Amino acid sequence: MSEESWHGIPRSKIPWGPKIDYEKCVNCGKCVDYCKLGVYEFEEKEGAKRSVVKNPNQCVVLCTGCEPQCPAVAITHPSKTETRKIIGKLQKAWGAAHSIGSAAKSSKSEWRKA
């Protein structure tokens, strides 16, 4: 199974996803209801249900739509500015690595033909 990517970058390389501050969280589940991508799930712990970030890489990069849904302001995301900088670096590094890999495959193909 191939890894999900975002604009050609493996999604797992992009540090983007929500965090829940459990000091503030009131376990209302609005985040679970709001996000249809399965980022959040309910978890039972010590007889109580609470929302957890189960699949952070399912979060759409740079989306913060769940934040205003939280009445306790318990959900945060990384800085969009910093994330964009990281993405820029990843695009350069990942693009160069793929270009080199494609060139190497192309060279091998040409070599085999000779």
PDB file of N, CA and C in Angstrom:
ATOM      1  N   MET A   1       0.843  -1.182   0.000  1.00  0.00           N
ATOM      2  CA  MET A   1       0.000   0.000   0.000  1.00  0.00           C
ATOM      3  C   MET A   1       0.884   1.239   0.000  1.00  0.00           C
ATOM      4  N   SER A   2       0.616   2.169  -0.905  1.00  0.00           N
ATOM      5  CA  SER A   2       1.448   3.356  -0.975  1.00  0.00           C
ATOM      6  C   SER A   2       1.035   4.361   0.095  1.00  0.00           C
ATOM      7  N   GLU A   3       1.986   5.147   0.507  1.00  0.00           N
ATOM      8  CA  GLU A   3       1.745   6.133   1.549  1.00  0.00           C
ATOM      9  C   GLU A   3       1.002   7.332   0.966  1.00  0.00           C
ATOM     10  N   GLU A   4       0.099   7.897   1.745  1.00  0.00           N
ATOM     11  CA  GLU A   4      -0.593   9.104   1.329  1.00  0.00           C
ATOM     12  C   GLU A   4       0.409  10.238   1.186  1.00  0.00           C
ATOM     13  N   SER A   5       0.156  11.129   0.220  1.00  0.00           N
ATOM     14  CA  SER A   5       1.058  12.259   0.050  1.00  0.00           C
ATOM     15  C   SER A   5       0.249  13.541  -0.077  1.00  0.00           C
ATOM     16  N   TRP A   6       0.931  14.643   0.128  1.00  0.00           N
ATOM     17  CA  TRP A   6       0.344  15.970  -0.004  1.00  0.00           C
ATOM     18  C   TRP A   6       1.259  16.752  -0.921  1.00  0.00           C
ATOM     19  N   HIS A   7       0.797  17.071  -2.095  1.00  0.00           N
ATOM     20  CA  HIS A   7       1.587  17.774  -3.105  1.00  0.00           C
ATOM     21  C   HIS A   7       2.934  17.088  -3.337  1.00  0.00           C
ATOM     22  N   GLY A   8       2.916  15.764  -3.383  1.00  0.00           N
ATOM     23  CA  GLY A   8       4.118  14.995  -3.668  1.00  0.00           C
ATOM     24  C   GLY A   8       4.998  14.697  -2.465  1.00  0.00           C
ATOM     25  N   ILE A   9       4.641  15.207  -1.300  1.00  0.00           N
ATOM     26  CA  ILE A   9       5.427  14.967  -0.079  1.00  0.00           C
ATOM     27  C   ILE A   9       4.695  13.904   0.740  1.00  0.00           C
ATOM     28  N   PRO A  10       5.399  12.881   1.230  1.00  0.00           N
ATOM     29  CA  PRO A  10       4.715  11.910   2.096  1.00  0.00           C
ATOM     30  C   PRO A  10       4.071  12.637   3.273  1.00  0.00           C
ATOM     31  N   ARG A  11       2.798  12.379   3.488  1.00  0.00           N
ATOM     32  CA  ARG A  11       2.050  13.082   4.538  1.00  0.00           C
ATOM     33  C   ARG A  11       2.687  12.908   5.912  1.00  0.00           C
ATOM     34  N   SER A  12       3.290  11.758   6.145  1.00  0.00           N
ATOM     35  CA  SER A  12       3.906  11.504   7.458  1.00  0.00           C
ATOM     36  C   SER A  12       5.100  12.417   7.729  1.00  0.00           C
ATOM     37  N   LYS A  13       5.636  13.054   6.703  1.00  0.00           N
ATOM     38  CA  LYS A  13       6.775  13.961   6.878  1.00  0.00           C
ATOM     39  C   LYS A  13       6.344  15.377   7.266  1.00  0.00           C
ATOM     40  N   ILE A  14       5.058  15.682   7.100  1.00  0.00           N
ATOM     41  CA  ILE A  14       4.547  17.026   7.385  1.00  0.00           C
ATOM     42  C   ILE A  14       3.995  17.060   8.806  1.00  0.00           C
ATOM     43  N   PRO A  15       4.607  17.849   9.683  1.00  0.00           N
ATOM     44  CA  PRO A  15       4.176  17.889  11.086  1.00  0.00           C
ATOM     45  C   PRO A  15       2.924  18.742  11.284  1.00  0.00           C
ATOM     46  N   TRP A  16       1.788  18.217  10.846  1.00  0.00           N
ATOM     47  CA  TRP A  16       0.537  18.957  10.976  1.00  0.00           C
ATOM     48  C   TRP A  16      -0.544  18.040  11.529  1.00  0.00           C
ATOM     49  N   GLY A  17      -1.170  18.482  12.571  1.00  0.00           N
ATOM     50  CA  GLY A  17      -2.286  17.743  13.162  1.00  0.00           C
ATOM     51  C   GLY A  17      -2.687  18.433  14.447  1.00  0.00           C
ATOM     52  N   PRO A  18      -3.889  18.176  14.911  1.00  0.00           N
ATOM     53  CA  PRO A  18      -4.383  18.829  16.122  1.00  0.00           C
ATOM     54  C   PRO A  18      -3.807  18.231  17.395  1.00  0.00           C
ATOM     55  N   LYS A  19      -3.800  19.051  18.419  1.00  0.00           N
ATOM     56  CA  LYS A  19      -3.436  18.621  19.774  1.00  0.00           C
ATOM     57  C   LYS A  19      -4.596  19.011  20.679  1.00  0.00           C
ATOM     58  N   ILE A  20      -4.890  18.144  21.630  1.00  0.00           N
ATOM     59  CA  ILE A  20      -5.952  18.428  22.600  1.00  0.00           C
ATOM     60  C   ILE A  20      -5.314  18.705  23.955  1.00  0.00           C
ATOM     61  N   ASP A  21      -5.677  19.838  24.530  1.00  0.00           N
ATOM     62  CA  ASP A  21      -5.232  20.189  25.877  1.00  0.00           C
ATOM     63  C   ASP A  21      -6.265  19.615  26.848  1.00  0.00           C
ATOM     64  N   TYR A  22      -5.907  18.516  27.486  1.00  0.00           N
ATOM     65  CA  TYR A  22      -6.860  17.836  28.361  1.00  0.00           C
ATOM     66  C   TYR A  22      -7.131  18.593  29.657  1.00  0.00           C
ATOM     67  N   GLU A  23      -6.334  19.605  29.945  1.00  0.00           N
ATOM     68  CA  GLU A  23      -6.629  20.479  31.092  1.00  0.00           C
ATOM     69  C   GLU A  23      -7.877  21.318  30.796  1.00  0.00           C
ATOM     70  N   LYS A  24      -8.114  21.593  29.502  1.00  0.00           N
ATOM     71  CA  LYS A  24      -9.251  22.415  29.095  1.00  0.00           C
ATOM     72  C   LYS A  24     -10.420  21.598  28.558  1.00  0.00           C
ATOM     73  N   CYS A  25     -10.139  20.451  27.960  1.00  0.00           N
ATOM     74  CA  CYS A  25     -11.147  19.645  27.273  1.00  0.00           C
ATOM     75  C   CYS A  25     -12.294  19.253  28.213  1.00  0.00           C
ATOM     76  N   VAL A  26     -13.536  19.420  27.716  1.00  0.00           N
ATOM     77  CA  VAL A  26     -14.726  19.059  28.501  1.00  0.00           C
ATOM     78  C   VAL A  26     -15.381  17.780  27.972  1.00  0.00           C
ATOM     79  N   ASN A  27     -14.701  17.094  27.060  1.00  0.00           N
ATOM     80  CA  ASN A  27     -15.166  15.812  26.502  1.00  0.00           C
ATOM     81  C   ASN A  27     -16.558  15.890  25.881  1.00  0.00           C
ATOM     82  N   CYS A  28     -16.824  16.959  25.177  1.00  0.00           N
ATOM     83  CA  CYS A  28     -18.134  17.124  24.541  1.00  0.00           C
ATOM     84  C   CYS A  28     -18.242  16.327  23.241  1.00  0.00           C
ATOM     85  N   GLY A  29     -17.107  16.033  22.608  1.00  0.00           N
ATOM     86  CA  GLY A  29     -17.107  15.253  21.372  1.00  0.00           C
ATOM     87  C   GLY A  29     -17.400  16.044  20.115  1.00  0.00           C
ATOM     88  N   LYS A  30     -17.444  17.354  20.213  1.00  0.00           N
ATOM     89  CA  LYS A  30     -17.726  18.162  19.018  1.00  0.00           C
ATOM     90  C   LYS A  30     -16.645  17.988  17.960  1.00  0.00           C
ATOM     91  N   CYS A  31     -15.415  17.759  18.365  1.00  0.00           N
ATOM     92  CA  CYS A  31     -14.328  17.539  17.404  1.00  0.00           C
ATOM     93  C   CYS A  31     -14.538  16.225  16.653  1.00  0.00           C
ATOM     94  N   VAL A  32     -14.981  15.199  17.372  1.00  0.00           N
ATOM     95  CA  VAL A  32     -15.246  13.891  16.756  1.00  0.00           C
ATOM     96  C   VAL A  32     -16.376  14.020  15.747  1.00  0.00           C
ATOM     97  N   ASP A  33     -17.431  14.731  16.124  1.00  0.00           N
ATOM     98  CA  ASP A  33     -18.576  14.923  15.236  1.00  0.00           C
ATOM     99  C   ASP A  33     -18.220  15.780  14.018  1.00  0.00           C
ATOM    100  N   TYR A  34     -17.403  16.792  14.218  1.00  0.00           N
ATOM    101  CA  TYR A  34     -17.075  17.734  13.143  1.00  0.00           C
ATOM    102  C   TYR A  34     -16.177  17.127  12.072  1.00  0.00           C
ATOM    103  N   CYS A  35     -15.119  16.475  12.477  1.00  0.00           N
ATOM    104  CA  CYS A  35     -14.122  15.987  11.512  1.00  0.00           C
ATOM    105  C   CYS A  35     -14.576  14.665  10.899  1.00  0.00           C
ATOM    106  N   LYS A  36     -14.884  14.705   9.626  1.00  0.00           N
ATOM    107  CA  LYS A  36     -15.375  13.515   8.915  1.00  0.00           C
ATOM    108  C   LYS A  36     -14.229  12.669   8.358  1.00  0.00           C
ATOM    109  N   LEU A  37     -12.992  13.072   8.615  1.00  0.00           N
ATOM    110  CA  LEU A  37     -11.837  12.335   8.097  1.00  0.00           C
ATOM    111  C   LEU A  37     -11.276  11.320   9.079  1.00  0.00           C
ATOM    112  N   GLY A  38     -11.888  11.229  10.250  1.00  0.00           N
ATOM    113  CA  GLY A  38     -11.444  10.237  11.227  1.00  0.00           C
ATOM    114  C   GLY A  38     -10.198  10.623  12.001  1.00  0.00           C
ATOM    115  N   VAL A  39      -9.924  11.913  12.084  1.00  0.00           N
ATOM    116  CA  VAL A  39      -8.765  12.366  12.863  1.00  0.00           C
ATOM    117  C   VAL A  39      -8.992  12.077  14.342  1.00  0.00           C
ATOM    118  N   TYR A  40     -10.220  12.314  14.798  1.00  0.00           N
ATOM    119  CA  TYR A  40     -10.571  12.123  16.212  1.00  0.00           C
ATOM    120  C   TYR A  40     -11.411  10.867  16.399  1.00  0.00           C
ATOM    121  N   GLU A  41     -11.294  10.291  17.580  1.00  0.00           N
ATOM    122  CA  GLU A  41     -12.159   9.185  17.991  1.00  0.00           C
ATOM    123  C   GLU A  41     -12.395   9.313  19.479  1.00  0.00           C
ATOM    124  N   PHE A  42     -13.416   8.610  19.953  1.00  0.00           N
ATOM    125  CA  PHE A  42     -13.624   8.519  21.386  1.00  0.00           C
ATOM    126  C   PHE A  42     -12.800   7.358  21.916  1.00  0.00           C
ATOM    127  N   GLU A  43     -12.254   7.539  23.087  1.00  0.00           N
ATOM    128  CA  GLU A  43     -11.494   6.492  23.768  1.00  0.00           C
ATOM    129  C   GLU A  43     -12.071   6.385  25.166  1.00  0.00           C
ATOM    130  N   GLU A  44     -12.224   5.165  25.634  1.00  0.00           N
ATOM    131  CA  GLU A  44     -12.713   4.994  26.991  1.00  0.00           C
ATOM    132  C   GLU A  44     -11.515   4.761  27.898  1.00  0.00           C
ATOM    133  N   LYS A  45     -11.441   5.556  28.942  1.00  0.00           N
ATOM    134  CA  LYS A  45     -10.339   5.458  29.887  1.00  0.00           C
ATOM    135  C   LYS A  45     -10.906   5.620  31.289  1.00  0.00           C
ATOM    136  N   GLU A  46     -10.674   4.625  32.115  1.00  0.00           N
ATOM    137  CA  GLU A  46     -11.160   4.643  33.493  1.00  0.00           C
ATOM    138  C   GLU A  46     -12.658   4.905  33.560  1.00  0.00           C
ATOM    139  N   GLY A  47     -13.395   4.278  32.651  1.00  0.00           N
ATOM    140  CA  GLY A  47     -14.845   4.388  32.655  1.00  0.00           C
ATOM    141  C   GLY A  47     -15.410   5.659  32.051  1.00  0.00           C
ATOM    142  N   ALA A  48     -14.565   6.535  31.573  1.00  0.00           N
ATOM    143  CA  ALA A  48     -15.036   7.784  30.976  1.00  0.00           C
ATOM    144  C   ALA A  48     -14.587   7.865  29.520  1.00  0.00           C
ATOM    145  N   LYS A  49     -15.478   8.414  28.679  1.00  0.00           N
ATOM    146  CA  LYS A  49     -15.125   8.624  27.278  1.00  0.00           C
ATOM    147  C   LYS A  49     -14.461   9.971  27.128  1.00  0.00           C
ATOM    148  N   ARG A  50     -13.423   9.989  26.272  1.00  0.00           N
ATOM    149  CA  ARG A  50     -12.802  11.268  25.958  1.00  0.00           C
ATOM    150  C   ARG A  50     -12.384  11.263  24.493  1.00  0.00           C
ATOM    151  N   SER A  51     -12.297  12.435  23.917  1.00  0.00           N
ATOM    152  CA  SER A  51     -11.859  12.582  22.536  1.00  0.00           C
ATOM    153  C   SER A  51     -10.347  12.453  22.492  1.00  0.00           C
ATOM    154  N   VAL A  52      -9.850  11.762  21.466  1.00  0.00           N
ATOM    155  CA  VAL A  52      -8.411  11.641  21.262  1.00  0.00           C
ATOM    156  C   VAL A  52      -8.102  11.861  19.787  1.00  0.00           C
ATOM    157  N   VAL A  53      -6.879  12.317  19.528  1.00  0.00           N
ATOM    158  CA  VAL A  53      -6.404  12.434  18.156  1.00  0.00           C
ATOM    159  C   VAL A  53      -5.878  11.044  17.782  1.00  0.00           C
ATOM    160  N   LYS A  54      -6.662  10.327  17.017  1.00  0.00           N
ATOM    161  CA  LYS A  54      -6.333   8.943  16.675  1.00  0.00           C
ATOM    162  C   LYS A  54      -5.521   8.841  15.385  1.00  0.00           C
ATOM    163  N   ASN A  55      -5.830   9.684  14.409  1.00  0.00           N
ATOM    164  CA  ASN A  55      -5.177   9.630  13.101  1.00  0.00           C
ATOM    165  C   ASN A  55      -4.728  11.021  12.660  1.00  0.00           C
ATOM    166  N   PRO A  56      -3.661  11.552  13.260  1.00  0.00           N
ATOM    167  CA  PRO A  56      -3.259  12.925  12.947  1.00  0.00           C
ATOM    168  C   PRO A  56      -2.884  13.151  11.483  1.00  0.00           C
ATOM    169  N   ASN A  57      -2.392  12.132  10.801  1.00  0.00           N
ATOM    170  CA  ASN A  57      -2.014  12.309   9.401  1.00  0.00           C
ATOM    171  C   ASN A  57      -3.210  12.341   8.458  1.00  0.00           C
ATOM    172  N   GLN A  58      -4.407  12.100   8.995  1.00  0.00           N
ATOM    173  CA  GLN A  58      -5.620  12.244   8.196  1.00  0.00           C
ATOM    174  C   GLN A  58      -6.067  13.710   8.160  1.00  0.00           C
ATOM    175  N   CYS A  59      -5.505  14.526   9.042  1.00  0.00           N
ATOM    176  CA  CYS A  59      -5.853  15.945   9.090  1.00  0.00           C
ATOM    177  C   CYS A  59      -5.374  16.622   7.806  1.00  0.00           C
ATOM    178  N   VAL A  60      -6.256  17.409   7.202  1.00  0.00           N
ATOM    179  CA  VAL A  60      -5.887  18.143   5.997  1.00  0.00           C
ATOM    180  C   VAL A  60      -4.830  19.178   6.387  1.00  0.00           C
ATOM    181  N   VAL A  61      -3.736  19.177   5.660  1.00  0.00           N
ATOM    182  CA  VAL A  61      -2.632  20.101   5.969  1.00  0.00           C
ATOM    183  C   VAL A  61      -3.143  21.538   5.922  1.00  0.00           C
ATOM    184  N   LEU A  62      -2.879  22.275   6.972  1.00  0.00           N
ATOM    185  CA  LEU A  62      -3.232  23.675   7.194  1.00  0.00           C
ATOM    186  C   LEU A  62      -4.708  23.909   7.528  1.00  0.00           C
ATOM    187  N   CYS A  63      -5.488  22.845   7.713  1.00  0.00           N
ATOM    188  CA  CYS A  63      -6.887  22.990   8.131  1.00  0.00           C
ATOM    189  C   CYS A  63      -6.941  23.147   9.650  1.00  0.00           C
ATOM    190  N   THR A  64      -7.748  24.088  10.089  1.00  0.00           N
ATOM    191  CA  THR A  64      -7.970  24.290  11.526  1.00  0.00           C
ATOM    192  C   THR A  64      -9.468  24.369  11.833  1.00  0.00           C
ATOM    193  N   GLY A  65     -10.272  23.786  10.976  1.00  0.00           N
ATOM    194  CA  GLY A  65     -11.722  23.883  11.104  1.00  0.00           C
ATOM    195  C   GLY A  65     -12.292  23.364  12.405  1.00  0.00           C
ATOM    196  N   CYS A  66     -11.604  22.432  13.040  1.00  0.00           N
ATOM    197  CA  CYS A  66     -12.115  21.874  14.295  1.00  0.00           C
ATOM    198  C   CYS A  66     -11.890  22.814  15.483  1.00  0.00           C
ATOM    199  N   GLU A  67     -10.913  23.709  15.374  1.00  0.00           N
ATOM    200  CA  GLU A  67     -10.615  24.600  16.506  1.00  0.00           C
ATOM    201  C   GLU A  67     -11.820  25.421  16.951  1.00  0.00           C
ATOM    202  N   PRO A  68     -12.512  26.110  16.040  1.00  0.00           N
ATOM    203  CA  PRO A  68     -13.652  26.915  16.505  1.00  0.00           C
ATOM    204  C   PRO A  68     -14.855  26.079  16.951  1.00  0.00           C
ATOM    205  N   GLN A  69     -14.851  24.782  16.662  1.00  0.00           N
ATOM    206  CA  GLN A  69     -15.942  23.909  17.098  1.00  0.00           C
ATOM    207  C   GLN A  69     -15.839  23.597  18.592  1.00  0.00           C
ATOM    208  N   CYS A  70     -14.630  23.735  19.129  1.00  0.00           N
ATOM    209  CA  CYS A  70     -14.381  23.362  20.516  1.00  0.00           C
ATOM    210  C   CYS A  70     -14.804  24.481  21.474  1.00  0.00           C
ATOM    211  N   PRO A  71     -15.829  24.238  22.295  1.00  0.00           N
ATOM    212  CA  PRO A  71     -16.291  25.287  23.211  1.00  0.00           C
ATOM    213  C   PRO A  71     -15.290  25.606  24.320  1.00  0.00           C
ATOM    214  N   ALA A  72     -14.367  24.691  24.572  1.00  0.00           N
ATOM    215  CA  ALA A  72     -13.384  24.901  25.648  1.00  0.00           C
ATOM    216  C   ALA A  72     -12.052  25.442  25.130  1.00  0.00           C
ATOM    217  N   VAL A  73     -11.953  25.679  23.830  1.00  0.00           N
ATOM    218  CA  VAL A  73     -10.715  26.155  23.191  1.00  0.00           C
ATOM    219  C   VAL A  73      -9.541  25.231  23.573  1.00  0.00           C
ATOM    220  N   ALA A  74      -9.796  23.935  23.491  1.00  0.00           N
ATOM    221  CA  ALA A  74      -8.794  22.945  23.888  1.00  0.00           C
ATOM    222  C   ALA A  74      -8.008  22.371  22.714  1.00  0.00           C
ATOM    223  N   ILE A  75      -8.382  22.748  21.486  1.00  0.00           N
ATOM    224  CA  ILE A  75      -7.708  22.206  20.304  1.00  0.00           C
ATOM    225  C   ILE A  75      -6.809  23.260  19.691  1.00  0.00           C
ATOM    226  N   THR A  76      -5.576  22.860  19.416  1.00  0.00           N
ATOM    227  CA  THR A  76      -4.624  23.741  18.744  1.00  0.00           C
ATOM    228  C   THR A  76      -3.922  22.964  17.636  1.00  0.00           C
ATOM    229  N   HIS A  77      -3.324  23.705  16.738  1.00  0.00           N
ATOM    230  CA  HIS A  77      -2.518  23.146  15.651  1.00  0.00           C
ATOM    231  C   HIS A  77      -1.168  23.858  15.657  1.00  0.00           C
ATOM    232  N   PRO A  78      -0.187  23.284  14.975  1.00  0.00           N
ATOM    233  CA  PRO A  78       1.107  23.977  14.864  1.00  0.00           C
ATOM    234  C   PRO A  78       0.929  25.311  14.126  1.00  0.00           C
ATOM    235  N   SER A  79       1.939  26.134  14.191  1.00  0.00           N
ATOM    236  CA  SER A  79       1.936  27.420  13.493  1.00  0.00           C
ATOM    237  C   SER A  79       1.859  27.184  11.981  1.00  0.00           C
ATOM    238  N   LYS A  80       0.920  27.859  11.326  1.00  0.00           N
ATOM    239  CA  LYS A  80       0.819  27.731   9.870  1.00  0.00           C
ATOM    240  C   LYS A  80       2.068  28.285   9.192  1.00  0.00           C
ATOM    241  N   THR A  81       2.592  29.382   9.727  1.00  0.00           N
ATOM    242  CA  THR A  81       3.795  29.991   9.150  1.00  0.00           C
ATOM    243  C   THR A  81       4.969  29.018   9.216  1.00  0.00           C
ATOM    244  N   GLU A  82       5.182  28.436  10.379  1.00  0.00           N
ATOM    245  CA  GLU A  82       6.292  27.484  10.532  1.00  0.00           C
ATOM    246  C   GLU A  82       6.068  26.230   9.681  1.00  0.00           C
ATOM    247  N   THR A  83       4.828  25.783   9.614  1.00  0.00           N
ATOM    248  CA  THR A  83       4.524  24.597   8.811  1.00  0.00           C
ATOM    249  C   THR A  83       4.789  24.870   7.337  1.00  0.00           C
ATOM    250  N   ARG A  84       4.438  26.065   6.867  1.00  0.00           N
ATOM    251  CA  ARG A  84       4.714  26.411   5.461  1.00  0.00           C
ATOM    252  C   ARG A  84       6.222  26.411   5.185  1.00  0.00           C
ATOM    253  N   LYS A  85       7.008  26.892   6.141  1.00  0.00           N
ATOM    254  CA  LYS A  85       8.474  26.876   5.975  1.00  0.00           C
ATOM    255  C   LYS A  85       8.982  25.441   5.879  1.00  0.00           C
ATOM    256  N   ILE A  86       8.476  24.588   6.742  1.00  0.00           N
ATOM    257  CA  ILE A  86       8.883  23.177   6.731  1.00  0.00           C
ATOM    258  C   ILE A  86       8.478  22.527   5.408  1.00  0.00           C
ATOM    259  N   ILE A  87       7.272  22.825   4.942  1.00  0.00           N
ATOM    260  CA  ILE A  87       6.799  22.261   3.682  1.00  0.00           C
ATOM    261  C   ILE A  87       7.701  22.711   2.529  1.00  0.00           C
ATOM    262  N   GLY A  88       8.099  23.986   2.537  1.00  0.00           N
ATOM    263  CA  GLY A  88       8.996  24.496   1.503  1.00  0.00           C
ATOM    264  C   GLY A  88      10.307  23.719   1.470  1.00  0.00           C
ATOM    265  N   LYS A  89      10.858  23.475   2.644  1.00  0.00           N
ATOM    266  CA  LYS A  89      12.105  22.702   2.731  1.00  0.00           C
ATOM    267  C   LYS A  89      11.891  21.266   2.257  1.00  0.00           C
ATOM    268  N   LEU A  90      10.771  20.683   2.655  1.00  0.00           N
ATOM    269  CA  LEU A  90      10.466  19.314   2.238  1.00  0.00           C
ATOM    270  C   LEU A  90      10.270  19.225   0.726  1.00  0.00           C
ATOM    271  N   GLN A  91       9.604  20.233   0.147  1.00  0.00           N
ATOM    272  CA  GLN A  91       9.390  20.226  -1.299  1.00  0.00           C
ATOM    273  C   GLN A  91      10.717  20.258  -2.038  1.00  0.00           C
ATOM    274  N   LYS A  92      11.630  21.080  -1.547  1.00  0.00           N
ATOM    275  CA  LYS A  92      12.955  21.139  -2.182  1.00  0.00           C
ATOM    276  C   LYS A  92      13.693  19.819  -2.018  1.00  0.00           C
ATOM    277  N   ALA A  93      13.712  19.305  -0.806  1.00  0.00           N
ATOM    278  CA  ALA A  93      14.434  18.060  -0.535  1.00  0.00           C
ATOM    279  C   ALA A  93      13.766  16.877  -1.217  1.00  0.00           C
ATOM    280  N   TRP A  94      12.450  16.783  -1.110  1.00  0.00           N
ATOM    281  CA  TRP A  94      11.742  15.638  -1.667  1.00  0.00           C
ATOM    282  C   TRP A  94      11.747  15.701  -3.190  1.00  0.00           C
ATOM    283  N   GLY A  95      11.574  16.887  -3.730  1.00  0.00           N
ATOM    284  CA  GLY A  95      11.599  17.048  -5.183  1.00  0.00           C
ATOM    285  C   GLY A  95      12.955  16.680  -5.753  1.00  0.00           C
ATOM    286  N   ALA A  96      14.032  17.117  -5.076  1.00  0.00           N
ATOM    287  CA  ALA A  96      15.387  16.800  -5.531  1.00  0.00           C
ATOM    288  C   ALA A  96      15.643  15.304  -5.426  1.00  0.00           C
ATOM    289  N   ALA A  97      15.187  14.702  -4.346  1.00  0.00           N
ATOM    290  CA  ALA A  97      15.407  13.263  -4.166  1.00  0.00           C
ATOM    291  C   ALA A  97      14.666  12.478  -5.237  1.00  0.00           C
ATOM    292  N   HIS A  98      13.443  12.901  -5.562  1.00  0.00           N
ATOM    293  CA  HIS A  98      12.683  12.192  -6.590  1.00  0.00           C
ATOM    294  C   HIS A  98      13.277  12.433  -7.969  1.00  0.00           C
ATOM    295  N   SER A  99      13.773  13.649  -8.209  1.00  0.00           N
ATOM    296  CA  SER A  99      14.398  13.933  -9.498  1.00  0.00           C
ATOM    297  C   SER A  99      15.642  13.085  -9.676  1.00  0.00           C
ATOM    298  N   ILE A 100      16.442  12.977  -8.631  1.00  0.00           N
ATOM    299  CA  ILE A 100      17.651  12.164  -8.685  1.00  0.00           C
ATOM    300  C   ILE A 100      17.271  10.705  -8.898  1.00  0.00           C
ATOM    301  N   GLY A 101      16.258  10.236  -8.166  1.00  0.00           N
ATOM    302  CA  GLY A 101      15.816   8.856  -8.311  1.00  0.00           C
ATOM    303  C   GLY A 101      15.297   8.580  -9.708  1.00  0.00           C
ATOM    304  N   SER A 102      14.547   9.520 -10.286  1.00  0.00           N
ATOM    305  CA  SER A 102      14.020   9.341 -11.636  1.00  0.00           C
ATOM    306  C   SER A 102      15.150   9.340 -12.641  1.00  0.00           C
ATOM    307  N   ALA A 103      16.135  10.221 -12.444  1.00  0.00           N
ATOM    308  CA  ALA A 103      17.270  10.277 -13.357  1.00  0.00           C
ATOM    309  C   ALA A 103      18.069   8.988 -13.288  1.00  0.00           C
ATOM    310  N   ALA A 104      18.221   8.450 -12.085  1.00  0.00           N
ATOM    311  CA  ALA A 104      18.971   7.203 -11.921  1.00  0.00           C
ATOM    312  C   ALA A 104      18.244   6.055 -12.612  1.00  0.00           C
ATOM    313  N   LYS A 105      16.927   5.992 -12.473  1.00  0.00           N
ATOM    314  CA  LYS A 105      16.158   4.941 -13.139  1.00  0.00           C
ATOM    315  C   LYS A 105      16.281   5.082 -14.643  1.00  0.00           C
ATOM    316  N   SER A 106      16.204   6.326 -15.120  1.00  0.00           N
ATOM    317  CA  SER A 106      16.305   6.584 -16.546  1.00  0.00           C
ATOM    318  C   SER A 106      17.664   6.172 -17.068  1.00  0.00           C
ATOM    319  N   SER A 107      18.722   6.500 -16.318  1.00  0.00           N
ATOM    320  CA  SER A 107      20.079   6.124 -16.731  1.00  0.00           C
ATOM    321  C   SER A 107      20.237   4.633 -16.780  1.00  0.00           C
ATOM    322  N   LYS A 108      19.695   3.910 -15.784  1.00  0.00           N
ATOM    323  CA  LYS A 108      19.784   2.454 -15.765  1.00  0.00           C
ATOM    324  C   LYS A 108      19.067   1.857 -16.967  1.00  0.00           C
ATOM    325  N   SER A 109      17.898   2.429 -17.308  1.00  0.00           N
ATOM    326  CA  SER A 109      17.151   1.931 -18.453  1.00  0.00           C
ATOM    327  C   SER A 109      17.952   2.103 -19.725  1.00  0.00           C
ATOM    328  N   GLU A 110      18.550   3.283 -19.871  1.00  0.00           N
ATOM    329  CA  GLU A 110      19.361   3.556 -21.058  1.00  0.00           C
ATOM    330  C   GLU A 110      20.577   2.640 -21.103  1.00  0.00           C
ATOM    331  N   TRP A 111      21.170   2.394 -19.940  1.00  0.00           N
ATOM    332  CA  TRP A 111      22.349   1.536 -19.868  1.00  0.00           C
ATOM    333  C   TRP A 111      21.998   0.120 -20.292  1.00  0.00           C
ATOM    334  N   ARG A 112      20.818  -0.360 -19.854  1.00  0.00           N
ATOM    335  CA  ARG A 112      20.388  -1.716 -20.196  1.00  0.00           C
ATOM    336  C   ARG A 112      20.137  -1.870 -21.696  1.00  0.00           C
ATOM    337  N   LYS A 113      19.672  -0.801 -22.330  1.00  0.00           N
ATOM    338  CA  LYS A 113      19.392  -0.848 -23.756  1.00  0.00           C
ATOM    339  C   LYS A 113      20.678  -0.985 -24.578  1.00  0.00           C
ATOM    340  N   ALA A 114      21.760  -0.440 -24.057  1.00  0.00           N
ATOM    341  CA  ALA A 114      23.013  -0.403 -24.812  1.00  0.00           C
ATOM    342  C   ALA A 114      23.673  -1.759 -24.926  1.00  0.00           C
TER     343      ALA A 114
END
